[in-house]
């Protein structure tokens, strides 16, 4: 159980590990898309594309709210001038990994 959850979280760890090393947001987004594509090609369950898209969109809105209220700010602002382009892709996959963990835990 823990091993399976860790394996599902591994793409997130890989993506986060790339952030300090890939300074170009467009290149980093491409790296994230490759990691996500490989992950989905190895294992994808029904409706995970919807969960990914939901996480992608809801986190753009959430991050926009945080930035607009001054709660947080990003140094990298390649998406709509307020956040990094790659961040919604990371969040989208996080939603998928969380969903998988919930299913594995039987919650």
PDB file of N, CA and C in Angstrom:
ATOM      1  N   UNK A   1       0.814  -1.184   0.000  1.00  0.00           N
ATOM      2  CA  UNK A   1       0.000   0.000   0.000  1.00  0.00           C
ATOM      3  C   UNK A   1       0.865   1.259   0.000  1.00  0.00           C
ATOM      4  N   UNK A   2       1.778   1.382   0.948  1.00  0.00           N
ATOM      5  CA  UNK A   2       2.646   2.563   1.014  1.00  0.00           C
ATOM      6  C   UNK A   2       3.538   2.639  -0.217  1.00  0.00           C
ATOM      7  N   UNK A   3       4.014   1.485  -0.663  1.00  0.00           N
ATOM      8  CA  UNK A   3       4.862   1.442  -1.863  1.00  0.00           C
ATOM      9  C   UNK A   3       4.099   1.942  -3.083  1.00  0.00           C
ATOM     10  N   UNK A   4       2.859   1.523  -3.225  1.00  0.00           N
ATOM     11  CA  UNK A   4       2.045   1.940  -4.363  1.00  0.00           C
ATOM     12  C   UNK A   4       1.773   3.437  -4.324  1.00  0.00           C
ATOM     13  N   UNK A   5       1.465   3.950  -3.157  1.00  0.00           N
ATOM     14  CA  UNK A   5       1.248   5.396  -3.014  1.00  0.00           C
ATOM     15  C   UNK A   5       2.528   6.151  -3.357  1.00  0.00           C
ATOM     16  N   UNK A   6       3.664   5.669  -2.873  1.00  0.00           N
ATOM     17  CA  UNK A   6       4.949   6.316  -3.168  1.00  0.00           C
ATOM     18  C   UNK A   6       5.248   6.291  -4.659  1.00  0.00           C
ATOM     19  N   UNK A   7       4.962   5.184  -5.314  1.00  0.00           N
ATOM     20  CA  UNK A   7       5.195   5.106  -6.770  1.00  0.00           C
ATOM     21  C   UNK A   7       4.300   6.080  -7.524  1.00  0.00           C
ATOM     22  N   UNK A   8       3.072   6.264  -7.065  1.00  0.00           N
ATOM     23  CA  UNK A   8       2.182   7.230  -7.698  1.00  0.00           C
ATOM     24  C   UNK A   8       2.620   8.669  -7.447  1.00  0.00           C
ATOM     25  N   UNK A   9       3.321   8.896  -6.351  1.00  0.00           N
ATOM     26  CA  UNK A   9       3.819  10.235  -6.031  1.00  0.00           C
ATOM     27  C   UNK A   9       5.174  10.522  -6.670  1.00  0.00           C
ATOM     28  N   UNK A  10       5.842   9.500  -7.160  1.00  0.00           N
ATOM     29  CA  UNK A  10       7.185   9.675  -7.737  1.00  0.00           C
ATOM     30  C   UNK A  10       7.239  10.720  -8.853  1.00  0.00           C
ATOM     31  N   UNK A  11       6.286  10.766  -9.780  1.00  0.00           N
ATOM     32  CA  UNK A  11       6.351  11.821 -10.795  1.00  0.00           C
ATOM     33  C   UNK A  11       6.326  13.231 -10.203  1.00  0.00           C
ATOM     34  N   UNK A  12       5.622  13.410  -9.098  1.00  0.00           N
ATOM     35  CA  UNK A  12       5.590  14.717  -8.436  1.00  0.00           C
ATOM     36  C   UNK A  12       6.969  15.059  -7.894  1.00  0.00           C
ATOM     37  N   UNK A  13       7.610  14.092  -7.284  1.00  0.00           N
ATOM     38  CA  UNK A  13       8.961  14.304  -6.746  1.00  0.00           C
ATOM     39  C   UNK A  13       9.929  14.650  -7.884  1.00  0.00           C
ATOM     40  N   UNK A  14       9.817  13.946  -8.994  1.00  0.00           N
ATOM     41  CA  UNK A  14      10.683  14.216 -10.149  1.00  0.00           C
ATOM     42  C   UNK A  14      10.440  15.633 -10.667  1.00  0.00           C
ATOM     43  N   UNK A  15       9.167  16.010 -10.811  1.00  0.00           N
ATOM     44  CA  UNK A  15       8.860  17.356 -11.306  1.00  0.00           C
ATOM     45  C   UNK A  15       9.387  18.427 -10.352  1.00  0.00           C
ATOM     46  N   UNK A  16       9.152  18.239  -9.061  1.00  0.00           N
ATOM     47  CA  UNK A  16       9.625  19.236  -8.095  1.00  0.00           C
ATOM     48  C   UNK A  16      11.149  19.310  -8.063  1.00  0.00           C
ATOM     49  N   UNK A  17      11.811  18.184  -8.278  1.00  0.00           N
ATOM     50  CA  UNK A  17      13.276  18.174  -8.284  1.00  0.00           C
ATOM     51  C   UNK A  17      13.830  18.943  -9.477  1.00  0.00           C
ATOM     52  N   UNK A  18      13.082  19.035 -10.540  1.00  0.00           N
ATOM     53  CA  UNK A  18      13.538  19.752 -11.739  1.00  0.00           C
ATOM     54  C   UNK A  18      13.458  21.272 -11.594  1.00  0.00           C
ATOM     55  N   UNK A  19      12.584  21.759 -10.728  1.00  0.00           N
ATOM     56  CA  UNK A  19      12.314  23.201 -10.642  1.00  0.00           C
ATOM     57  C   UNK A  19      13.566  24.045 -10.428  1.00  0.00           C
ATOM     58  N   UNK A  20      14.447  23.715  -9.482  1.00  0.00           N
ATOM     59  CA  UNK A  20      15.615  24.591  -9.291  1.00  0.00           C
ATOM     60  C   UNK A  20      16.641  24.510 -10.421  1.00  0.00           C
ATOM     61  N   UNK A  21      16.577  23.449 -11.210  1.00  0.00           N
ATOM     62  CA  UNK A  21      17.596  23.242 -12.236  1.00  0.00           C
ATOM     63  C   UNK A  21      17.192  23.734 -13.622  1.00  0.00           C
ATOM     64  N   UNK A  22      15.910  23.775 -13.892  1.00  0.00           N
ATOM     65  CA  UNK A  22      15.427  24.232 -15.205  1.00  0.00           C
ATOM     66  C   UNK A  22      14.849  25.625 -15.022  1.00  0.00           C
ATOM     67  N   UNK A  23      15.601  26.626 -15.434  1.00  0.00           N
ATOM     68  CA  UNK A  23      15.219  28.015 -15.185  1.00  0.00           C
ATOM     69  C   UNK A  23      14.205  28.547 -16.193  1.00  0.00           C
ATOM     70  N   UNK A  24      14.140  27.950 -17.376  1.00  0.00           N
ATOM     71  CA  UNK A  24      13.214  28.392 -18.405  1.00  0.00           C
ATOM     72  C   UNK A  24      11.850  27.740 -18.161  1.00  0.00           C
ATOM     73  N   UNK A  25      10.838  28.553 -17.909  1.00  0.00           N
ATOM     74  CA  UNK A  25       9.516  28.020 -17.588  1.00  0.00           C
ATOM     75  C   UNK A  25       8.898  27.221 -18.730  1.00  0.00           C
ATOM     76  N   UNK A  26       9.184  27.613 -19.954  1.00  0.00           N
ATOM     77  CA  UNK A  26       8.623  26.894 -21.105  1.00  0.00           C
ATOM     78  C   UNK A  26       9.262  25.511 -21.235  1.00  0.00           C
ATOM     79  N   UNK A  27      10.552  25.449 -21.032  1.00  0.00           N
ATOM     80  CA  UNK A  27      11.248  24.160 -21.057  1.00  0.00           C
ATOM     81  C   UNK A  27      10.803  23.289 -19.879  1.00  0.00           C
ATOM     82  N   UNK A  28      10.653  23.895 -18.724  1.00  0.00           N
ATOM     83  CA  UNK A  28      10.211  23.151 -17.544  1.00  0.00           C
ATOM     84  C   UNK A  28       8.796  22.607 -17.750  1.00  0.00           C
ATOM     85  N   UNK A  29       7.937  23.393 -18.382  1.00  0.00           N
ATOM     86  CA  UNK A  29       6.586  22.914 -18.696  1.00  0.00           C
ATOM     87  C   UNK A  29       6.656  21.710 -19.621  1.00  0.00           C
ATOM     88  N   UNK A  30       7.538  21.752 -20.596  1.00  0.00           N
ATOM     89  CA  UNK A  30       7.717  20.616 -21.498  1.00  0.00           C
ATOM     90  C   UNK A  30       8.193  19.379 -20.724  1.00  0.00           C
ATOM     91  N   UNK A  31       9.136  19.565 -19.832  1.00  0.00           N
ATOM     92  CA  UNK A  31       9.618  18.457 -18.993  1.00  0.00           C
ATOM     93  C   UNK A  31       8.456  17.877 -18.189  1.00  0.00           C
ATOM     94  N   UNK A  32       7.641  18.752 -17.591  1.00  0.00           N
ATOM     95  CA  UNK A  32       6.490  18.286 -16.813  1.00  0.00           C
ATOM     96  C   UNK A  32       5.517  17.509 -17.683  1.00  0.00           C
ATOM     97  N   UNK A  33       5.258  18.005 -18.892  1.00  0.00           N
ATOM     98  CA  UNK A  33       4.339  17.314 -19.802  1.00  0.00           C
ATOM     99  C   UNK A  33       4.872  15.929 -20.169  1.00  0.00           C
ATOM    100  N   UNK A  34       6.175  15.818 -20.333  1.00  0.00           N
ATOM    101  CA  UNK A  34       6.775  14.516 -20.636  1.00  0.00           C
ATOM    102  C   UNK A  34       6.627  13.568 -19.447  1.00  0.00           C
ATOM    103  N   UNK A  35       6.918  14.063 -18.248  1.00  0.00           N
ATOM    104  CA  UNK A  35       6.784  13.238 -17.043  1.00  0.00           C
ATOM    105  C   UNK A  35       5.337  12.781 -16.878  1.00  0.00           C
ATOM    106  N   UNK A  36       4.391  13.687 -17.072  1.00  0.00           N
ATOM    107  CA  UNK A  36       2.977  13.347 -16.935  1.00  0.00           C
ATOM    108  C   UNK A  36       2.553  12.345 -18.007  1.00  0.00           C
ATOM    109  N   UNK A  37       2.991  12.559 -19.242  1.00  0.00           N
ATOM    110  CA  UNK A  37       2.648  11.637 -20.335  1.00  0.00           C
ATOM    111  C   UNK A  37       3.200  10.236 -20.076  1.00  0.00           C
ATOM    112  N   UNK A  38       4.435  10.167 -19.611  1.00  0.00           N
ATOM    113  CA  UNK A  38       5.028   8.861 -19.298  1.00  0.00           C
ATOM    114  C   UNK A  38       4.264   8.206 -18.161  1.00  0.00           C
ATOM    115  N   UNK A  39       3.951   8.979 -17.144  1.00  0.00           N
ATOM    116  CA  UNK A  39       3.207   8.438 -16.007  1.00  0.00           C
ATOM    117  C   UNK A  39       1.854   7.893 -16.451  1.00  0.00           C
ATOM    118  N   UNK A  40       1.131   8.659 -17.235  1.00  0.00           N
ATOM    119  CA  UNK A  40      -0.179   8.209 -17.714  1.00  0.00           C
ATOM    120  C   UNK A  40      -0.062   7.033 -18.678  1.00  0.00           C
ATOM    121  N   UNK A  41       1.022   6.965 -19.424  1.00  0.00           N
ATOM    122  CA  UNK A  41       1.174   5.826 -20.339  1.00  0.00           C
ATOM    123  C   UNK A  41       1.468   4.534 -19.569  1.00  0.00           C
ATOM    124  N   UNK A  42       2.071   4.664 -18.391  1.00  0.00           N
ATOM    125  CA  UNK A  42       2.356   3.498 -17.561  1.00  0.00           C
ATOM    126  C   UNK A  42       1.144   3.063 -16.746  1.00  0.00           C
ATOM    127  N   UNK A  43       0.329   4.038 -16.348  1.00  0.00           N
ATOM    128  CA  UNK A  43      -0.837   3.710 -15.511  1.00  0.00           C
ATOM    129  C   UNK A  43      -1.835   4.856 -15.582  1.00  0.00           C
ATOM    130  N   UNK A  44      -3.010   4.555 -16.063  1.00  0.00           N
ATOM    131  CA  UNK A  44      -4.085   5.553 -16.041  1.00  0.00           C
ATOM    132  C   UNK A  44      -5.390   4.836 -15.755  1.00  0.00           C
ATOM    133  N   UNK A  45      -6.151   5.413 -14.869  1.00  0.00           N
ATOM    134  CA  UNK A  45      -7.452   4.859 -14.523  1.00  0.00           C
ATOM    135  C   UNK A  45      -8.552   5.707 -15.150  1.00  0.00           C
ATOM    136  N   UNK A  46      -9.741   5.164 -15.147  1.00  0.00           N
ATOM    137  CA  UNK A  46     -10.891   5.829 -15.747  1.00  0.00           C
ATOM    138  C   UNK A  46     -11.094   7.222 -15.149  1.00  0.00           C
ATOM    139  N   UNK A  47     -11.349   8.178 -16.005  1.00  0.00           N
ATOM    140  CA  UNK A  47     -11.682   9.567 -15.648  1.00  0.00           C
ATOM    141  C   UNK A  47     -10.525  10.360 -15.040  1.00  0.00           C
ATOM    142  N   UNK A  48      -9.306   9.821 -15.041  1.00  0.00           N
ATOM    143  CA  UNK A  48      -8.192  10.599 -14.486  1.00  0.00           C
ATOM    144  C   UNK A  48      -7.864  11.821 -15.323  1.00  0.00           C
ATOM    145  N   UNK A  49      -8.194  11.778 -16.606  1.00  0.00           N
ATOM    146  CA  UNK A  49      -7.989  12.967 -17.420  1.00  0.00           C
ATOM    147  C   UNK A  49      -8.891  14.100 -16.926  1.00  0.00           C
ATOM    148  N   UNK A  50     -10.093  13.774 -16.505  1.00  0.00           N
ATOM    149  CA  UNK A  50     -11.009  14.781 -15.955  1.00  0.00           C
ATOM    150  C   UNK A  50     -10.505  15.328 -14.627  1.00  0.00           C
ATOM    151  N   UNK A  51      -9.967  14.452 -13.806  1.00  0.00           N
ATOM    152  CA  UNK A  51      -9.416  14.882 -12.520  1.00  0.00           C
ATOM    153  C   UNK A  51      -8.221  15.802 -12.752  1.00  0.00           C
ATOM    154  N   UNK A  52      -7.367  15.436 -13.718  1.00  0.00           N
ATOM    155  CA  UNK A  52      -6.219  16.273 -14.051  1.00  0.00           C
ATOM    156  C   UNK A  52      -6.680  17.656 -14.517  1.00  0.00           C
ATOM    157  N   UNK A  53      -7.623  17.696 -15.430  1.00  0.00           N
ATOM    158  CA  UNK A  53      -8.114  18.979 -15.959  1.00  0.00           C
ATOM    159  C   UNK A  53      -8.772  19.800 -14.855  1.00  0.00           C
ATOM    160  N   UNK A  54      -9.552  19.145 -13.993  1.00  0.00           N
ATOM    161  CA  UNK A  54     -10.173  19.851 -12.871  1.00  0.00           C
ATOM    162  C   UNK A  54      -9.102  20.478 -11.981  1.00  0.00           C
ATOM    163  N   UNK A  55      -8.097  19.677 -11.598  1.00  0.00           N
ATOM    164  CA  UNK A  55      -7.017  20.198 -10.762  1.00  0.00           C
ATOM    165  C   UNK A  55      -6.267  21.329 -11.441  1.00  0.00           C
ATOM    166  N   UNK A  56      -6.021  21.178 -12.728  1.00  0.00           N
ATOM    167  CA  UNK A  56      -5.336  22.196 -13.524  1.00  0.00           C
ATOM    168  C   UNK A  56      -6.107  23.519 -13.464  1.00  0.00           C
ATOM    169  N   UNK A  57      -7.398  23.462 -13.746  1.00  0.00           N
ATOM    170  CA  UNK A  57      -8.202  24.690 -13.817  1.00  0.00           C
ATOM    171  C   UNK A  57      -8.486  25.287 -12.445  1.00  0.00           C
ATOM    172  N   UNK A  58      -8.838  24.450 -11.476  1.00  0.00           N
ATOM    173  CA  UNK A  58      -9.184  24.979 -10.155  1.00  0.00           C
ATOM    174  C   UNK A  58      -7.963  25.610  -9.479  1.00  0.00           C
ATOM    175  N   UNK A  59      -6.788  25.080  -9.756  1.00  0.00           N
ATOM    176  CA  UNK A  59      -5.598  25.648  -9.129  1.00  0.00           C
ATOM    177  C   UNK A  59      -5.155  26.945  -9.807  1.00  0.00           C
ATOM    178  N   UNK A  60      -5.446  27.099 -11.086  1.00  0.00           N
ATOM    179  CA  UNK A  60      -5.193  28.406 -11.713  1.00  0.00           C
ATOM    180  C   UNK A  60      -6.052  29.448 -11.004  1.00  0.00           C
ATOM    181  N   UNK A  61      -7.332  29.145 -10.815  1.00  0.00           N
ATOM    182  CA  UNK A  61      -8.232  30.084 -10.144  1.00  0.00           C
ATOM    183  C   UNK A  61      -7.799  30.331  -8.698  1.00  0.00           C
ATOM    184  N   UNK A  62      -7.441  29.273  -7.996  1.00  0.00           N
ATOM    185  CA  UNK A  62      -7.027  29.412  -6.595  1.00  0.00           C
ATOM    186  C   UNK A  62      -5.748  30.226  -6.465  1.00  0.00           C
ATOM    187  N   UNK A  63      -4.775  29.919  -7.299  1.00  0.00           N
ATOM    188  CA  UNK A  63      -3.515  30.672  -7.238  1.00  0.00           C
ATOM    189  C   UNK A  63      -3.756  32.129  -7.605  1.00  0.00           C
ATOM    190  N   UNK A  64      -4.646  32.377  -8.567  1.00  0.00           N
ATOM    191  CA  UNK A  64      -4.970  33.759  -8.922  1.00  0.00           C
ATOM    192  C   UNK A  64      -5.545  34.500  -7.716  1.00  0.00           C
ATOM    193  N   UNK A  65      -6.435  33.842  -6.976  1.00  0.00           N
ATOM    194  CA  UNK A  65      -7.002  34.468  -5.781  1.00  0.00           C
ATOM    195  C   UNK A  65      -5.924  34.767  -4.742  1.00  0.00           C
ATOM    196  N   UNK A  66      -5.037  33.797  -4.509  1.00  0.00           N
ATOM    197  CA  UNK A  66      -3.963  34.012  -3.542  1.00  0.00           C
ATOM    198  C   UNK A  66      -3.069  35.177  -3.955  1.00  0.00           C
ATOM    199  N   UNK A  67      -2.705  35.220  -5.215  1.00  0.00           N
ATOM    200  CA  UNK A  67      -1.824  36.291  -5.698  1.00  0.00           C
ATOM    201  C   UNK A  67      -2.543  37.639  -5.639  1.00  0.00           C
ATOM    202  N   UNK A  68      -3.802  37.680  -6.059  1.00  0.00           N
ATOM    203  CA  UNK A  68      -4.533  38.956  -6.087  1.00  0.00           C
ATOM    204  C   UNK A  68      -4.799  39.524  -4.705  1.00  0.00           C
ATOM    205  N   UNK A  69      -4.832  38.675  -3.686  1.00  0.00           N
ATOM    206  CA  UNK A  69      -5.048  39.168  -2.325  1.00  0.00           C
ATOM    207  C   UNK A  69      -3.737  39.471  -1.605  1.00  0.00           C
ATOM    208  N   UNK A  70      -2.615  39.174  -2.257  1.00  0.00           N
ATOM    209  CA  UNK A  70      -1.319  39.447  -1.653  1.00  0.00           C
ATOM    210  C   UNK A  70      -0.832  38.352  -0.723  1.00  0.00           C
ATOM    211  N   UNK A  71      -1.542  37.236  -0.656  1.00  0.00           N
ATOM    212  CA  UNK A  71      -1.145  36.135   0.220  1.00  0.00           C
ATOM    213  C   UNK A  71       0.163  35.514  -0.259  1.00  0.00           C
ATOM    214  N   UNK A  72       0.321  35.436  -1.574  1.00  0.00           N
ATOM    215  CA  UNK A  72       1.560  34.895  -2.122  1.00  0.00           C
ATOM    216  C   UNK A  72       1.897  35.619  -3.414  1.00  0.00           C
ATOM    217  N   UNK A  73       3.148  35.469  -3.838  1.00  0.00           N
ATOM    218  CA  UNK A  73       3.579  36.012  -5.121  1.00  0.00           C
ATOM    219  C   UNK A  73       4.641  35.090  -5.701  1.00  0.00           C
ATOM    220  N   UNK A  74       4.740  35.092  -6.994  1.00  0.00           N
ATOM    221  CA  UNK A  74       5.693  34.235  -7.677  1.00  0.00           C
ATOM    222  C   UNK A  74       6.751  35.087  -8.361  1.00  0.00           C
ATOM    223  N   UNK A  75       7.969  34.612  -8.307  1.00  0.00           N
ATOM    224  CA  UNK A  75       9.056  35.276  -9.018  1.00  0.00           C
ATOM    225  C   UNK A  75       8.961  34.969 -10.516  1.00  0.00           C
ATOM    226  N   UNK A  76       8.445  33.790 -10.819  1.00  0.00           N
ATOM    227  CA  UNK A  76       8.265  33.375 -12.201  1.00  0.00           C
ATOM    228  C   UNK A  76       6.804  33.607 -12.558  1.00  0.00           C
ATOM    229  N   UNK A  77       6.561  34.429 -13.584  1.00  0.00           N
ATOM    230  CA  UNK A  77       5.190  34.843 -13.892  1.00  0.00           C
ATOM    231  C   UNK A  77       4.868  34.680 -15.381  1.00  0.00           C
ATOM    232  N   UNK A  78       5.078  33.493 -15.899  1.00  0.00           N
ATOM    233  CA  UNK A  78       4.893  33.254 -17.325  1.00  0.00           C
ATOM    234  C   UNK A  78       3.463  32.887 -17.708  1.00  0.00           C
ATOM    235  N   UNK A  79       2.586  32.627 -16.746  1.00  0.00           N
ATOM    236  CA  UNK A  79       1.189  32.326 -17.050  1.00  0.00           C
ATOM    237  C   UNK A  79       0.329  33.491 -16.586  1.00  0.00           C
ATOM    238  N   UNK A  80      -0.226  34.216 -17.530  1.00  0.00           N
ATOM    239  CA  UNK A  80      -1.098  35.364 -17.266  1.00  0.00           C
ATOM    240  C   UNK A  80      -0.428  36.447 -16.431  1.00  0.00           C
ATOM    241  N   UNK A  81       0.895  36.432 -16.369  1.00  0.00           N
ATOM    242  CA  UNK A  81       1.633  37.463 -15.649  1.00  0.00           C
ATOM    243  C   UNK A  81       1.576  37.357 -14.138  1.00  0.00           C
ATOM    244  N   UNK A  82       1.150  36.217 -13.601  1.00  0.00           N
ATOM    245  CA  UNK A  82       1.092  36.122 -12.141  1.00  0.00           C
ATOM    246  C   UNK A  82       1.597  34.809 -11.559  1.00  0.00           C
ATOM    247  N   UNK A  83       1.825  33.809 -12.379  1.00  0.00           N
ATOM    248  CA  UNK A  83       2.297  32.533 -11.851  1.00  0.00           C
ATOM    249  C   UNK A  83       3.107  31.813 -12.923  1.00  0.00           C
ATOM    250  N   UNK A  84       3.899  30.801 -12.532  1.00  0.00           N
ATOM    251  CA  UNK A  84       4.672  30.043 -13.522  1.00  0.00           C
ATOM    252  C   UNK A  84       3.763  29.171 -14.385  1.00  0.00           C
ATOM    253  N   UNK A  85       4.086  29.070 -15.650  1.00  0.00           N
ATOM    254  CA  UNK A  85       3.313  28.279 -16.606  1.00  0.00           C
ATOM    255  C   UNK A  85       3.194  26.821 -16.183  1.00  0.00           C
ATOM    256  N   UNK A  86       4.252  26.287 -15.591  1.00  0.00           N
ATOM    257  CA  UNK A  86       4.290  24.867 -15.246  1.00  0.00           C
ATOM    258  C   UNK A  86       3.471  24.498 -14.013  1.00  0.00           C
ATOM    259  N   UNK A  87       3.145  25.457 -13.176  1.00  0.00           N
ATOM    260  CA  UNK A  87       2.501  25.158 -11.890  1.00  0.00           C
ATOM    261  C   UNK A  87       1.145  24.449 -12.025  1.00  0.00           C
ATOM    262  N   UNK A  88       0.248  24.865 -12.903  1.00  0.00           N
ATOM    263  CA  UNK A  88      -1.021  24.135 -13.010  1.00  0.00           C
ATOM    264  C   UNK A  88      -0.848  22.677 -13.458  1.00  0.00           C
ATOM    265  N   UNK A  89       0.181  22.402 -14.234  1.00  0.00           N
ATOM    266  CA  UNK A  89       0.436  21.022 -14.646  1.00  0.00           C
ATOM    267  C   UNK A  89       0.854  20.180 -13.438  1.00  0.00           C
ATOM    268  N   UNK A  90       1.694  20.759 -12.595  1.00  0.00           N
ATOM    269  CA  UNK A  90       2.096  20.071 -11.364  1.00  0.00           C
ATOM    270  C   UNK A  90       0.877  19.831 -10.481  1.00  0.00           C
ATOM    271  N   UNK A  91       0.060  20.843 -10.286  1.00  0.00           N
ATOM    272  CA  UNK A  91      -1.132  20.707  -9.464  1.00  0.00           C
ATOM    273  C   UNK A  91      -2.105  19.695 -10.056  1.00  0.00           C
ATOM    274  N   UNK A  92      -2.272  19.723 -11.371  1.00  0.00           N
ATOM    275  CA  UNK A  92      -3.176  18.769 -12.018  1.00  0.00           C
ATOM    276  C   UNK A  92      -2.771  17.340 -11.725  1.00  0.00           C
ATOM    277  N   UNK A  93      -1.475  17.067 -11.849  1.00  0.00           N
ATOM    278  CA  UNK A  93      -1.014  15.709 -11.551  1.00  0.00           C
ATOM    279  C   UNK A  93      -1.121  15.398 -10.054  1.00  0.00           C
ATOM    280  N   UNK A  94      -0.928  16.395  -9.208  1.00  0.00           N
ATOM    281  CA  UNK A  94      -1.094  16.186  -7.761  1.00  0.00           C
ATOM    282  C   UNK A  94      -2.513  15.727  -7.450  1.00  0.00           C
ATOM    283  N   UNK A  95      -3.503  16.308  -8.121  1.00  0.00           N
ATOM    284  CA  UNK A  95      -4.889  15.882  -7.920  1.00  0.00           C
ATOM    285  C   UNK A  95      -5.052  14.409  -8.275  1.00  0.00           C
ATOM    286  N   UNK A  96      -4.423  13.985  -9.368  1.00  0.00           N
ATOM    287  CA  UNK A  96      -4.498  12.583  -9.787  1.00  0.00           C
ATOM    288  C   UNK A  96      -3.846  11.687  -8.731  1.00  0.00           C
ATOM    289  N   UNK A  97      -2.667  12.070  -8.256  1.00  0.00           N
ATOM    290  CA  UNK A  97      -1.962  11.261  -7.255  1.00  0.00           C
ATOM    291  C   UNK A  97      -2.754  11.184  -5.952  1.00  0.00           C
ATOM    292  N   UNK A  98      -3.383  12.274  -5.566  1.00  0.00           N
ATOM    293  CA  UNK A  98      -4.203  12.276  -4.356  1.00  0.00           C
ATOM    294  C   UNK A  98      -5.401  11.345  -4.534  1.00  0.00           C
ATOM    295  N   UNK A  99      -6.045  11.417  -5.676  1.00  0.00           N
ATOM    296  CA  UNK A  99      -7.184  10.528  -5.950  1.00  0.00           C
ATOM    297  C   UNK A  99      -6.753   9.079  -5.869  1.00  0.00           C
ATOM    298  N   UNK A 100      -5.599   8.754  -6.452  1.00  0.00           N
ATOM    299  CA  UNK A 100      -5.097   7.378  -6.404  1.00  0.00           C
ATOM    300  C   UNK A 100      -4.819   6.943  -4.966  1.00  0.00           C
ATOM    301  N   UNK A 101      -4.234   7.832  -4.179  1.00  0.00           N
ATOM    302  CA  UNK A 101      -3.927   7.500  -2.786  1.00  0.00           C
ATOM    303  C   UNK A 101      -5.206   7.250  -1.990  1.00  0.00           C
ATOM    304  N   UNK A 102      -6.219   8.063  -2.224  1.00  0.00           N
ATOM    305  CA  UNK A 102      -7.507   7.898  -1.532  1.00  0.00           C
ATOM    306  C   UNK A 102      -8.104   6.534  -1.869  1.00  0.00           C
ATOM    307  N   UNK A 103      -8.036   6.150  -3.144  1.00  0.00           N
ATOM    308  CA  UNK A 103      -8.565   4.846  -3.557  1.00  0.00           C
ATOM    309  C   UNK A 103      -7.769   3.716  -2.909  1.00  0.00           C
ATOM    310  N   UNK A 104      -6.447   3.844  -2.897  1.00  0.00           N
ATOM    311  CA  UNK A 104      -5.603   2.799  -2.309  1.00  0.00           C
ATOM    312  C   UNK A 104      -5.881   2.662  -0.811  1.00  0.00           C
ATOM    313  N   UNK A 105      -6.081   3.775  -0.145  1.00  0.00           N
ATOM    314  CA  UNK A 105      -6.359   3.752   1.297  1.00  0.00           C
ATOM    315  C   UNK A 105      -7.786   3.287   1.613  1.00  0.00           C
ATOM    316  N   UNK A 106      -8.614   3.213   0.571  1.00  0.00           N
ATOM    317  CA  UNK A 106      -9.985   2.762   0.758  1.00  0.00           C
ATOM    318  C   UNK A 106     -10.885   3.782   1.417  1.00  0.00           C
ATOM    319  N   UNK A 107     -10.579   5.043   1.211  1.00  0.00           N
ATOM    320  CA  UNK A 107     -11.376   6.113   1.834  1.00  0.00           C
ATOM    321  C   UNK A 107     -12.501   6.579   0.929  1.00  0.00           C
TER     322      UNK A 107
END
